Amino acid sequence: MIDAPLLDRLIKAYDVRGVVPDDLGPDVARLVGAAFVHVVGASREQGGPGTVVVARDMRPSGPELVAAFAEGVTSQGVDVLDIGLGSTDQLYFAAGSLDLPGAMFTASHNPAQYNGIKLCRVGASPVGQDTGLSQIKELVLAWASEGVPHHDGPAGQVSARDLLADYAAFLSALVPLGGIRPLRVVVDAGNGMGGHTVPAVLRDLPLEVHELYFELDGTFPHHEANPIDPENLRDLQGAVLAEGADIGLAFDGDADRCFVVDERGAIVDPSTLTGLIAARELAKEPGATVIHNLITSAAVPEIVLEHGGTPVRTRVGHSFIKATMAETGAVFGGEHSGHFYFRDFWRADSGMLAALHVLAALGETPPGTTLSDLLAEYSRYAASGEINTTVADQVTVLASIAAAYSERPDVELDELDGLTVSGRSADGAGWWFNVRPSNTEPLLRLNVEGADTALMETVRDEVLALIRRGA
C-alpha cells in the first residue's frame, strides 16, 4: 500500500531511497516516473524537451525499477533515453550534455537490499525536497488512490544509447593526463560502478592500474561500497603497500565519490583534496570563487585565499553547495564526505573528475615525488573525523553547548548549520567544532579541528562530555 508513512520513509532530502521490494517497488517507481514528468516540465506541451534520460547501477533490482519508471514517463507522452549501466556522474553528464532531465537508479553506498532514484532537471540541476521532491511526493500520494491522469496524445517511446565513451572523452578533455609521468595506481571499485567507468576513463594513459573488485555485483561480496568508513579501505591500503603503488583510489557504489590513499597506505582527508583541487582550478581561473561546507578544514579557505580565490562557506549537503555555486559562479566546491563539484561539469559532483585531478597533480611532479610530499602543504590541522552520538532531545543539548561557550572570551558562535564554535587556546592556537543534528536519525554529529592533535583532543573530549551528559 502506497501511503503517507511509506513515502515519508522513501522520499529523503535529496533522493528516493528504500528497501526493495518492501518499500521501493515497481508501483512506486511507476508513479514517480509519471509525477517527475509533470514536476520538471519534461513534456513538449509544458515546453520541455520531451525526453527523460535514465541510468542504473549494478543492483539486481535496477532493471525492473527502471522499466516501471519508464512506463510512468511514457504514459505521459514523454520519451525515455536509457543509457543502461552507469555511474551517477555519467547520468549527470548525459543530462548536462543532452539538456535533458534525468533519473539515476542507485542507493549509492547503502547495503544490497536498498535501491533508490536520484533525480535532476535539464542540465543536471538537482531535484531535492525544496526543488521538486515534495511536489513529486504529493502527486504520488494522490495518484496512488486516484490513478495517474490520462494523457490524450500517443505514449512516449523508449530507446537505448551508450554514452560511456562520450563521458570518458569529456572528462579526459577537462583534465588531460597524456603528458604525466608513469604512475602505479590501485583502484578499489567495491564491485560498484567504478568497475564500469574506470577502464573507459583511464585507458591508454601512462598508468599501471591494479584492479580491486571491478566485477559489477550489487550484493557487494567483498565489502560495503562505502569508502567513508575506514574499514572499507583496508583492502585498498594493503594493496597499495603490497604493489608499491604511488596512489590508491576508492569509489563508492555509484562512483560519484572518490577517496584517496597515499603511498604509505594513509587515508587522505577529503579536505586536503579540496585544497589541492581548489589550487589547481584557481591556477586556471585566477580570482574565482570556491565553495566549501562548514565542516571542511580551516585550511581550505586559507588555501583559496593564498591562491587568489574567494572562499564561500555553506551548509552541509549537495543542494546547498550546488545552489551557492549557481549564485556565485564558483568554479569548484568540496565537501568532507568525498563529494567534489565542478562548474565545468554542470556544477555536479564527480568522483572520477576528482580522481583525475589528483592523478594529474601527482603525475606533473618530478620523479620520486610522493603523494604525501605533494599533499603536505594542503594538510595543516588535526581533525577528529565525524563522531555520532544518539541524543533524544537534540535542541536542548545544542542549547546547553551554546550556553557553555557563549560567555567565554574570544569565542565565536554561529548557527548556519547546527552550532559552530571557534576560538583560540591560551597560546593563540586556533580550534573549532561543529555540532549538527542528523536529518533522519536521533543523532548529533560532532566535528572538531585544532592546530595540533593535543588541542583537537582536548576540545573534542570537552564537547563530547557535554553531549553525553544530555544524551
Foldseek 3Di string as FASTA:
>chain_A
DDADVLQVVQADFFWGKDFPPVRPDLLLLLLLLQLVCVLQVCPVVSVHPLEEEEEEKLQPRPVRSVVSSQNNNQQQVGEYEYQYHAFPLVQLLCLQVVQAKYWYWAPWQDARRMIIIWTAHRNRHGDGCVRGSVSSSVSSNVCVPVNRDGHPDHGYYYDYDHCLLVVLVLLCVVQPQAPFAAFEEEEEALLARCLVRVCNNCPPHSYRYDYHNSHNDSNSPPDGQQVVPVVVCPVQLVVLQVVLGQKYWGAIRSQLFIWIAGSNSHTDFQLLLLLLVLLVQCVVPAAFEEEEEPQRDPLNQVSQVVSRYHYDYAHDDLNGQLVVCVVRVHQKYTYRSRWIAGVSSSRHTGNVSSVSSLSNQVRRDDPPQGSCNSSVSSDFWDKDRKDKDQFDDLVVLLVVVCVVPVPDPQWDWDPNARIKIKGADPVGWIKIKGWHADPPHRIIIIMIITRYDVVRVVVVVVSVVSRVVRD
